C-alpha atoms as a PDB file:
ATOM      1  CA  MET A   1     137.455 -34.826 116.195  1.00  0.00           C
ATOM      2  CA  ALA A   2     136.318 -38.408 115.687  1.00  0.00           C
ATOM      3  CA  LEU A   3     133.643 -37.253 113.251  1.00  0.00           C
ATOM      4  CA  ILE A   4     136.163 -35.215 111.245  1.00  0.00           C
ATOM      5  CA  LYS A   5     138.455 -38.241 110.933  1.00  0.00           C
ATOM      6  CA  LYS A   6     135.502 -40.377 109.872  1.00  0.00           C
ATOM      7  CA  LEU A   7     134.323 -37.939 107.178  1.00  0.00           C
ATOM      8  CA  LEU A   8     137.687 -36.716 105.884  1.00  0.00           C
ATOM      9  CA  ASN A   9     139.168 -40.071 104.971  1.00  0.00           C
ATOM     10  CA  LYS A  10     141.314 -41.468 102.178  1.00  0.00           C
ATOM     11  CA  GLY A  11     138.327 -42.075  99.890  1.00  0.00           C
ATOM     12  CA  PHE A  12     137.034 -38.523 100.326  1.00  0.00           C
ATOM     13  CA  PHE A  13     140.373 -36.932  99.461  1.00  0.00           C
ATOM     14  CA  GLU A  14     140.959 -39.282  96.507  1.00  0.00           C
ATOM     15  CA  SER A  15     137.600 -38.232  95.081  1.00  0.00           C
ATOM     16  CA  VAL A  16     138.348 -34.522  95.554  1.00  0.00           C
ATOM     17  CA  LEU A  17     141.884 -34.693  94.119  1.00  0.00           C
ATOM     18  CA  ASN A  18     140.793 -36.898  91.194  1.00  0.00           C
ATOM     19  CA  ARG A  19     138.292 -34.203  90.195  1.00  0.00           C
ATOM     20  CA  TYR A  20     140.736 -31.350  90.822  1.00  0.00           C
ATOM     21  CA  TYR A  21     143.582 -32.853  88.770  1.00  0.00           C
ATOM     22  CA  ASN A  22     141.271 -34.645  86.317  1.00  0.00           C
ATOM     23  CA  GLN A  23     143.338 -37.816  86.668  1.00  0.00           C
ATOM     24  CA  ASP A  24     143.760 -40.740  89.042  1.00  0.00           C
ATOM     25  CA  VAL A  25     145.332 -39.855  92.376  1.00  0.00           C
ATOM     26  CA  GLU A  26     146.427 -42.422  94.944  1.00  0.00           C
ATOM     27  CA  ILE A  27     146.363 -41.275  98.565  1.00  0.00           C
ATOM     28  CA  THR A  28     149.152 -42.920 100.540  1.00  0.00           C
ATOM     29  CA  ASN A  29     148.570 -41.182 103.888  1.00  0.00           C
ATOM     30  CA  VAL A  30     146.023 -38.942 105.598  1.00  0.00           C
ATOM     31  CA  HIS A  31     147.071 -37.563 108.970  1.00  0.00           C
ATOM     32  CA  ILE A  32     144.703 -35.328 110.967  1.00  0.00           C
ATOM     33  CA  THR A  33     145.665 -33.586 114.208  1.00  0.00           C
ATOM     34  CA  ASN A  34     144.100 -31.000 116.477  1.00  0.00           C
ATOM     35  CA  GLY A  35     146.062 -28.234 118.118  1.00  0.00           C
ATOM     36  CA  VAL A  36     146.401 -25.748 115.286  1.00  0.00           C
ATOM     37  CA  VAL A  37     145.978 -22.900 117.783  1.00  0.00           C
ATOM     38  CA  ALA A  38     146.492 -22.611 121.533  1.00  0.00           C
ATOM     39  CA  ALA A  39     143.681 -23.633 123.866  1.00  0.00           C
ATOM     40  CA  GLY A  40     141.086 -20.889 124.253  1.00  0.00           C
ATOM     41  CA  GLU A  41     141.818 -19.187 120.935  1.00  0.00           C
ATOM     42  CA  ASN A  42     139.222 -21.128 118.969  1.00  0.00           C
ATOM     43  CA  PHE A  43     136.043 -20.767 121.033  1.00  0.00           C
ATOM     44  CA  CYS A  44     133.726 -20.857 118.049  1.00  0.00           C
ATOM     45  CA  SER A  45     135.327 -23.691 116.096  1.00  0.00           C
ATOM     46  CA  THR A  46     137.607 -26.685 116.124  1.00  0.00           C
ATOM     47  CA  LEU A  47     140.676 -26.399 113.916  1.00  0.00           C
ATOM     48  CA  SER A  48     142.412 -29.492 112.594  1.00  0.00           C
ATOM     49  CA  ARG A  49     145.636 -29.734 110.615  1.00  0.00           C
ATOM     50  CA  ILE A  50     145.509 -32.207 107.724  1.00  0.00           C
ATOM     51  CA  LYS A  51     148.491 -33.673 105.885  1.00  0.00           C
ATOM     52  CA  ILE A  52     147.819 -35.690 102.737  1.00  0.00           C
ATOM     53  CA  ASP A  53     150.519 -37.644 100.916  1.00  0.00           C
ATOM     54  CA  TYR A  54     149.577 -38.681  97.397  1.00  0.00           C
ATOM     55  CA  SER A  55     150.892 -39.660  93.997  1.00  0.00           C
ATOM     56  CA  PHE A  56     149.356 -39.796  90.577  1.00  0.00           C
ATOM     57  CA  GLY A  57     148.079 -43.122  89.243  1.00  0.00           C
ATOM     58  CA  ASP A  58     151.233 -43.740  87.231  1.00  0.00           C
ATOM     59  CA  GLY A  59     153.191 -44.408  90.437  1.00  0.00           C
ATOM     60  CA  GLY A  60     155.125 -41.163  90.114  1.00  0.00           C
ATOM     61  CA  ARG A  61     156.761 -39.171  92.856  1.00  0.00           C
ATOM     62  CA  GLN A  62     155.049 -38.401  96.151  1.00  0.00           C
ATOM     63  CA  HIS A  63     153.382 -35.048  96.751  1.00  0.00           C
ATOM     64  CA  THR A  64     152.250 -33.569 100.055  1.00  0.00           C
ATOM     65  CA  LEU A  65     149.259 -31.316 100.590  1.00  0.00           C
ATOM     66  CA  TRP A  66     148.699 -29.444 103.857  1.00  0.00           C
ATOM     67  CA  MET A  67     145.399 -27.869 104.857  1.00  0.00           C
ATOM     68  CA  VAL A  68     143.432 -26.652 107.835  1.00  0.00           C
ATOM     69  CA  CYS A  69     139.871 -27.799 108.505  1.00  0.00           C
ATOM     70  CA  LYS A  70     137.528 -25.590 110.492  1.00  0.00           C
ATOM     71  CA  SER A  71     134.538 -27.368 112.012  1.00  0.00           C
ATOM     72  CA  LEU A  72     131.889 -26.826 114.653  1.00  0.00           C
ATOM     73  CA  PRO A  73     133.089 -27.010 118.255  1.00  0.00           C
ATOM     74  CA  GLU A  74     132.847 -30.456 119.821  1.00  0.00           C
ATOM     75  CA  ASP A  75     131.022 -29.005 122.830  1.00  0.00           C
ATOM     76  CA  GLU A  76     127.259 -29.197 122.117  1.00  0.00           C
ATOM     77  CA  TYR A  77     126.486 -25.859 123.795  1.00  0.00           C
ATOM     78  CA  GLN A  78     129.156 -24.039 121.786  1.00  0.00           C
ATOM     79  CA  ALA A  79     128.080 -25.762 118.563  1.00  0.00           C
ATOM     80  CA  GLY A  80     124.478 -24.699 119.189  1.00  0.00           C
ATOM     81  CA  PHE A  81     125.596 -21.099 119.753  1.00  0.00           C
ATOM     82  CA  VAL A  82     127.587 -21.064 116.495  1.00  0.00           C
ATOM     83  CA  LYS A  83     124.619 -22.468 114.565  1.00  0.00           C
ATOM     84  CA  GLU A  84     122.172 -20.023 116.159  1.00  0.00           C
ATOM     85  CA  MET A  85     124.383 -17.037 115.347  1.00  0.00           C
ATOM     86  CA  LYS A  86     124.908 -18.357 111.768  1.00  0.00           C
ATOM     87  CA  MET A  87     128.652 -17.722 112.045  1.00  0.00           C
ATOM     88  CA  PHE A  88     129.635 -20.386 109.531  1.00  0.00           C
ATOM     89  CA  GLU A  89     127.015 -19.183 107.045  1.00  0.00           C
ATOM     90  CA  CYS A  90     128.544 -15.713 107.192  1.00  0.00           C
ATOM     91  CA  GLU A  91     132.050 -17.079 106.581  1.00  0.00           C
ATOM     92  CA  LEU A  92     130.872 -19.200 103.659  1.00  0.00           C
ATOM     93  CA  GLU A  93     129.320 -16.112 102.095  1.00  0.00           C
ATOM     94  CA  ILE A  94     132.504 -14.079 102.549  1.00  0.00           C
ATOM     95  CA  TYR A  95     134.929 -16.759 101.299  1.00  0.00           C
ATOM     96  CA  GLY A  96     132.646 -18.033  98.544  1.00  0.00           C
ATOM     97  CA  ASN A  97     131.162 -14.860  97.099  1.00  0.00           C
ATOM     98  CA  ILE A  98     132.790 -11.685  98.364  1.00  0.00           C
ATOM     99  CA  ILE A  99     136.546 -12.411  98.412  1.00  0.00           C
ATOM    100  CA  PRO A 100     136.900 -14.246  95.079  1.00  0.00           C
END
C-alpha cells in the first residue's frame, strides 16, 4: 500500500479534479485505507478506500469524494500471476469500451 499512498497524493488528485471541474480545486485531506473487503476475498488485487476532502479555489464550502482503488496485489507471486493472466487488461477493456 505504500506505493499507492506515494502515487495517489494531494498533487495527483488536485490535478485530476482541476481538469474535471475546469477550475482550481484545493485538496484539504487525502486519506487512504486498506480493508475494503474481508481478508481472502481479494486474491487478485488490493483494494483501498480513498476519501478526499476538497474545496474550490474561492475558499467555498468543503466537499468530500469517496472512491475505491484497485491495484495489483502486494505479494510478488500474486502480482506476477495477475499480470501473466492479463486480468487487469481485461477489466480495462470491459470498463473502458464495453460498458460505456
